[in-house]
Amino acid sequence: MVVITPKDKSVAALSGIHLYHGDISNCSMRVRMTLEEKGLDWESHHIDLKKKENLDEGYFAINPNGLVPTMIHEGVVHIESNEIIAYLDEAYPEPPLRPAAHADAIDTWLARAADLHVKAVKPYVYATKMAPKLHKTAEEQELYDSLQTNEELIEFHAKHAGDSQFSADDIRTAVELLDAAFSDAEEVLNTYDWLSGEKFGLADISWLPIHFVLVGSGYDFDRFPKVMGWIEAARQRRSFQKGILEWCQDFADV
């Protein structure tokens, strides 16, 4: 579990669950979904990514990567969304979202989502949709460079800084990784209703927001009919409606 000690010590006084999150952030979506599945009360601290509200010294003092989401639970700061949702399932075991019979497979899906976030999901979404919308001015870029210390994120954002663009190789690699992941998902969904097995769980919560932002960015899911059925079933759940659609009705409209 990625738990940090932030520069902003004041957050240690926060009680309950506080979530710093973005409406259009797929990582935020999975945490909101988990909170809804668990029926938990939480305090919302919305960060508007299109207004670059995360590009702020105050927020970097809470999350040193300047990313959403950040969850503060009883004064303890948690980052990395897939680890947050696993933590919530342990801290609040009812209803269970990681059944023992499928725990290893669920953990594999969570790890794969985390691994592909900067390798595939962000490059595809930024290259096809978001880079122009999140373009930084020279002053904003200078501020970001002064605040950001995560080398992976520095390298990623350098690819669309200024006049730079993601290369054809970047996009090709992203598509290949995503194709492989959703091909594997299709196989699982040939056997089970959910990626998590017989019942809805953390693997679904981790990957549904990825599907949501990718389809809104033009990724072709017609090749994966079981995945298409899975998403339609998930859209009927309150957690999907409250955790995703209430905040971002259609990522294509972002």
Protein backbone atom coordinates (compact mmCIF):
# COMPACT_ATOMS: atom_id res chain seq x y z
CA MET A 1 0.00 0.00 0.00
CA VAL A 2 1.37 3.38 -1.02
CA VAL A 3 0.97 5.48 2.11
CA ILE A 4 2.91 8.74 2.24
CA THR A 5 3.81 11.45 4.71
CA PRO A 6 2.88 14.67 2.90
CA LYS A 7 4.54 18.04 3.25
CA ASP A 8 1.17 19.45 4.27
CA LYS A 9 0.94 18.15 7.84
CA SER A 10 -2.50 19.67 8.36
CA VAL A 11 -4.22 16.77 6.60
CA ALA A 12 -3.29 14.50 9.51
CA ALA A 13 -6.10 16.18 11.43
CA LEU A 14 -8.77 15.10 8.93
CA SER A 15 -11.19 12.47 10.19
CA GLY A 16 -13.22 10.05 8.11
CA ILE A 17 -12.64 9.61 4.38
CA HIS A 18 -11.56 12.56 2.25
CA LEU A 19 -11.09 12.08 -1.49
CA TYR A 20 -9.21 14.48 -3.75
CA HIS A 21 -10.41 13.44 -7.18
CA GLY A 22 -11.09 14.53 -10.75
CA ASP A 23 -14.36 14.10 -12.62
CA ILE A 24 -12.65 12.87 -15.82
CA SER A 25 -9.91 10.83 -14.13
CA ASN A 26 -10.31 7.09 -14.66
CA CYS A 27 -8.24 6.48 -11.52
CA SER A 28 -10.64 8.65 -9.53
CA MET A 29 -13.59 6.81 -11.03
CA ARG A 30 -12.50 3.48 -9.60
CA VAL A 31 -12.16 4.88 -6.09
CA ARG A 32 -15.56 6.59 -6.28
CA MET A 33 -17.08 3.31 -7.48
CA THR A 34 -15.57 1.39 -4.58
CA LEU A 35 -16.82 3.92 -2.05
CA GLU A 36 -20.31 3.58 -3.55
CA GLU A 37 -20.16 -0.24 -3.55
CA LYS A 38 -19.21 -0.10 0.13
CA GLY A 39 -21.88 2.47 0.95
CA LEU A 40 -19.32 4.73 2.62
CA ASP A 41 -19.65 8.41 3.41
CA TRP A 42 -16.82 10.55 2.07
CA GLU A 43 -15.85 14.18 1.79
CA SER A 44 -15.32 15.34 -1.79
CA HIS A 45 -12.43 17.62 -2.74
CA HIS A 46 -12.86 17.98 -6.50
CA ILE A 47 -9.79 18.88 -8.55
CA ASP A 48 -10.67 20.21 -12.01
CA LEU A 49 -7.97 18.75 -14.25
CA LYS A 50 -9.05 20.77 -17.29
CA LYS A 51 -8.41 23.91 -15.26
CA LYS A 52 -5.11 22.35 -14.12
CA GLU A 53 -6.10 22.70 -10.48
CA ASN A 54 -3.70 19.85 -9.67
CA LEU A 55 -0.85 22.06 -10.89
CA ASP A 56 -0.63 23.76 -7.55
CA GLU A 57 1.99 23.85 -4.81
CA GLY A 58 -0.67 23.24 -2.20
CA TYR A 59 -1.87 20.07 -3.89
CA PHE A 60 1.66 18.81 -4.53
CA ALA A 61 2.18 19.22 -0.77
CA ILE A 62 -0.53 16.58 -0.31
CA ASN A 63 0.31 14.31 -3.26
CA PRO A 64 3.95 14.64 -4.40
CA ASN A 65 3.05 13.37 -7.88
CA GLY A 66 0.35 15.98 -8.38
CA LEU A 67 -2.05 13.23 -9.44
CA VAL A 68 -5.60 12.33 -8.51
CA PRO A 69 -6.92 10.56 -6.63
CA THR A 70 -5.54 11.06 -3.16
CA MET A 71 -7.50 9.49 -0.33
CA ILE A 72 -7.04 10.56 3.27
CA HIS A 73 -8.47 8.06 5.73
CA GLU A 74 -8.37 9.13 9.38
CA GLY A 75 -5.45 11.44 8.64
CA VAL A 76 -3.41 8.87 6.69
CA VAL A 77 -2.65 9.76 3.06
CA HIS A 78 -3.07 7.03 0.44
CA ILE A 79 -2.13 7.35 -3.23
CA GLU A 80 -2.27 4.92 -6.19
CA SER A 81 -5.87 4.09 -7.00
CA ASN A 82 -5.64 0.33 -7.41
CA GLU A 83 -4.03 0.04 -4.01
CA ILE A 84 -6.64 2.36 -2.52
CA ILE A 85 -9.53 0.19 -3.68
CA ALA A 86 -7.82 -2.95 -2.34
CA TYR A 87 -7.26 -1.15 0.96
CA LEU A 88 -10.91 -0.11 1.16
CA ASP A 89 -12.01 -3.69 0.62
CA GLU A 90 -9.83 -4.81 3.53
CA ALA A 91 -10.81 -1.93 5.81
CA TYR A 92 -14.53 -2.33 5.03
CA PRO A 93 -15.04 -6.01 4.19
CA GLU A 94 -18.78 -5.84 3.51
CA PRO A 95 -19.79 -6.37 0.81
CA PRO A 96 -16.66 -8.33 -0.22
CA LEU A 97 -15.16 -7.33 -3.57
CA ARG A 98 -12.20 -9.75 -3.61
CA PRO A 99 -13.59 -13.25 -3.06
CA ALA A 100 -10.97 -15.79 -1.98
CA ALA A 101 -11.71 -18.12 -4.90
CA HIS A 102 -10.62 -15.46 -7.38
CA ALA A 103 -8.25 -13.38 -5.25
CA ASP A 104 -5.10 -14.17 -7.25
CA ALA A 105 -6.77 -13.42 -10.58
CA ILE A 106 -8.19 -10.16 -9.22
CA ASP A 107 -4.78 -9.11 -7.93
CA THR A 108 -3.32 -9.81 -11.37
CA TRP A 109 -5.92 -7.56 -13.03
CA LEU A 110 -5.24 -4.79 -10.52
CA ALA A 111 -1.49 -5.02 -11.07
CA ARG A 112 -1.96 -5.06 -14.84
CA ALA A 113 -4.12 -1.93 -14.74
CA ALA A 114 -1.48 -0.15 -12.67
CA ASP A 115 1.32 -1.28 -14.97
CA LEU A 116 -0.47 -0.17 -18.15
CA HIS A 117 -1.59 3.21 -16.85
CA VAL A 118 1.45 5.19 -18.01
CA LYS A 119 2.56 2.64 -20.62
CA ALA A 120 -0.71 2.46 -22.54
CA VAL A 121 -3.83 4.12 -21.11
CA LYS A 122 -2.45 7.65 -20.63
CA PRO A 123 -0.54 7.68 -23.96
CA TYR A 124 -3.61 6.57 -25.91
CA VAL A 125 -6.01 8.96 -24.17
CA TYR A 126 -3.62 11.90 -24.33
CA ALA A 127 -2.54 11.29 -27.93
CA THR A 128 -6.08 10.86 -29.26
CA LYS A 129 -7.98 13.34 -27.11
CA MET A 130 -6.58 15.07 -24.05
CA ALA A 131 -3.15 16.52 -24.93
CA PRO A 132 -4.54 19.68 -26.61
CA LYS A 133 -7.05 20.18 -23.78
CA LEU A 134 -4.38 19.91 -21.08
CA HIS A 135 -1.66 21.81 -22.92
CA LYS A 136 0.48 23.82 -20.51
CA THR A 137 1.62 27.37 -21.11
CA ALA A 138 5.33 28.06 -20.76
CA GLU A 139 4.70 29.37 -17.23
CA GLU A 140 2.63 26.31 -16.29
CA GLN A 141 5.28 24.00 -17.70
CA GLU A 142 7.96 25.77 -15.67
CA LEU A 143 5.88 25.39 -12.51
CA TYR A 144 5.22 21.71 -13.24
CA ASP A 145 8.92 21.06 -13.83
CA SER A 146 9.74 22.70 -10.52
CA LEU A 147 7.21 20.59 -8.61
CA GLN A 148 7.38 17.18 -10.27
CA THR A 149 10.04 14.69 -9.12
CA ASN A 150 8.55 11.46 -10.50
CA GLU A 151 10.81 10.49 -13.42
CA GLU A 152 8.18 8.36 -15.16
CA LEU A 153 5.72 11.26 -15.17
CA ILE A 154 8.38 13.75 -16.23
CA GLU A 155 9.23 11.54 -19.20
CA PHE A 156 5.57 11.03 -20.09
CA HIS A 157 4.61 14.71 -20.03
CA ALA A 158 7.72 15.72 -21.95
CA LYS A 159 6.23 13.87 -24.92
CA HIS A 160 3.44 16.44 -25.28
CA ALA A 161 5.14 19.53 -23.86
CA GLY A 162 5.39 22.61 -26.04
CA ASP A 163 5.22 21.59 -29.71
CA SER A 164 6.01 17.91 -28.96
CA GLN A 165 3.58 15.14 -29.83
CA PHE A 166 3.32 11.46 -29.09
CA SER A 167 5.05 9.42 -31.77
CA ALA A 168 3.45 6.78 -33.96
CA ASP A 169 5.50 4.21 -32.04
CA ASP A 170 4.09 5.46 -28.74
CA ILE A 171 0.54 5.02 -29.99
CA ARG A 172 1.27 1.67 -31.64
CA THR A 173 2.76 0.29 -28.45
CA ALA A 174 -0.19 1.54 -26.42
CA VAL A 175 -2.70 -0.08 -28.78
CA GLU A 176 -0.82 -3.39 -28.76
CA LEU A 177 -0.81 -3.49 -24.96
CA LEU A 178 -4.48 -2.55 -24.74
CA ASP A 179 -5.46 -5.07 -27.42
CA ALA A 180 -3.70 -7.83 -25.48
CA ALA A 181 -5.38 -6.85 -22.22
CA PHE A 182 -8.89 -6.73 -23.65
CA SER A 183 -8.32 -9.97 -25.58
CA ASP A 184 -7.57 -11.59 -22.23
CA ALA A 185 -10.63 -9.93 -20.72
CA GLU A 186 -12.74 -11.35 -23.54
CA GLU A 187 -11.52 -14.85 -22.64
CA VAL A 188 -12.38 -14.40 -18.97
CA LEU A 189 -15.82 -13.06 -19.85
CA ASN A 190 -16.46 -16.14 -22.00
CA THR A 191 -16.53 -18.07 -18.72
CA TYR A 192 -17.69 -15.57 -16.10
CA ASP A 193 -20.09 -12.65 -16.01
CA TRP A 194 -17.42 -10.45 -14.44
CA LEU A 195 -13.67 -10.05 -14.60
CA SER A 196 -13.71 -10.79 -10.89
CA GLY A 197 -15.47 -14.14 -11.42
CA GLU A 198 -19.06 -15.02 -10.62
CA LYS A 199 -19.65 -11.75 -8.80
CA PHE A 200 -18.78 -8.11 -9.42
CA GLY A 201 -15.54 -7.10 -7.73
CA LEU A 202 -12.32 -5.13 -7.70
CA ALA A 203 -11.09 -6.32 -11.10
CA ASP A 204 -14.22 -4.89 -12.69
CA ILE A 205 -13.94 -1.65 -10.72
CA SER A 206 -10.35 -1.28 -11.87
CA TRP A 207 -11.02 -1.87 -15.57
CA LEU A 208 -14.46 -0.36 -16.17
CA PRO A 209 -13.14 3.24 -15.96
CA ILE A 210 -10.34 2.31 -18.36
CA HIS A 211 -12.96 1.10 -20.84
CA PHE A 212 -14.98 4.28 -20.26
CA VAL A 213 -12.17 6.71 -21.10
CA LEU A 214 -10.84 4.57 -23.96
CA VAL A 215 -14.17 4.27 -25.74
CA GLY A 216 -14.57 8.02 -25.30
CA SER A 217 -11.18 8.44 -26.96
CA GLY A 218 -12.09 6.36 -30.00
CA TYR A 219 -10.68 2.95 -29.11
CA ASP A 220 -12.53 0.22 -31.05
CA PHE A 221 -14.26 -2.30 -28.77
CA ASP A 222 -16.42 -3.88 -31.49
CA ARG A 223 -13.89 -6.73 -31.66
CA PHE A 224 -14.74 -7.70 -28.10
CA PRO A 225 -18.46 -8.60 -27.84
CA LYS A 226 -18.16 -10.07 -24.35
CA VAL A 227 -16.49 -6.88 -23.15
CA MET A 228 -19.35 -4.90 -24.69
CA GLY A 229 -21.87 -7.02 -22.78
CA TRP A 230 -19.86 -6.60 -19.58
CA ILE A 231 -19.94 -2.82 -19.84
CA GLU A 232 -23.69 -2.78 -20.46
CA ALA A 233 -24.30 -4.90 -17.36
CA ALA A 234 -22.01 -2.68 -15.31
CA ARG A 235 -23.78 0.50 -16.40
CA GLN A 236 -26.87 -0.70 -14.52
CA ARG A 237 -25.04 -0.66 -11.20
CA ARG A 238 -25.49 2.26 -8.84
CA SER A 239 -21.72 2.46 -8.34
CA PHE A 240 -21.17 3.00 -12.07
CA GLN A 241 -23.86 5.63 -12.24
CA LYS A 242 -22.73 7.47 -9.09
CA GLY A 243 -18.99 6.89 -9.42
CA ILE A 244 -18.65 7.59 -13.14
CA LEU A 245 -21.72 8.95 -14.92
CA GLU A 246 -22.72 11.43 -12.24
CA TRP A 247 -19.29 13.05 -12.64
CA CYS A 248 -18.61 12.47 -16.35
CA GLN A 249 -21.68 11.59 -18.38
CA ASP A 250 -19.73 10.82 -21.56
CA PHE A 251 -15.96 10.98 -21.88
CA ALA A 252 -16.39 11.60 -25.61
CA ASP A 253 -17.83 15.01 -24.70
CA VAL A 254 -14.87 16.00 -22.52
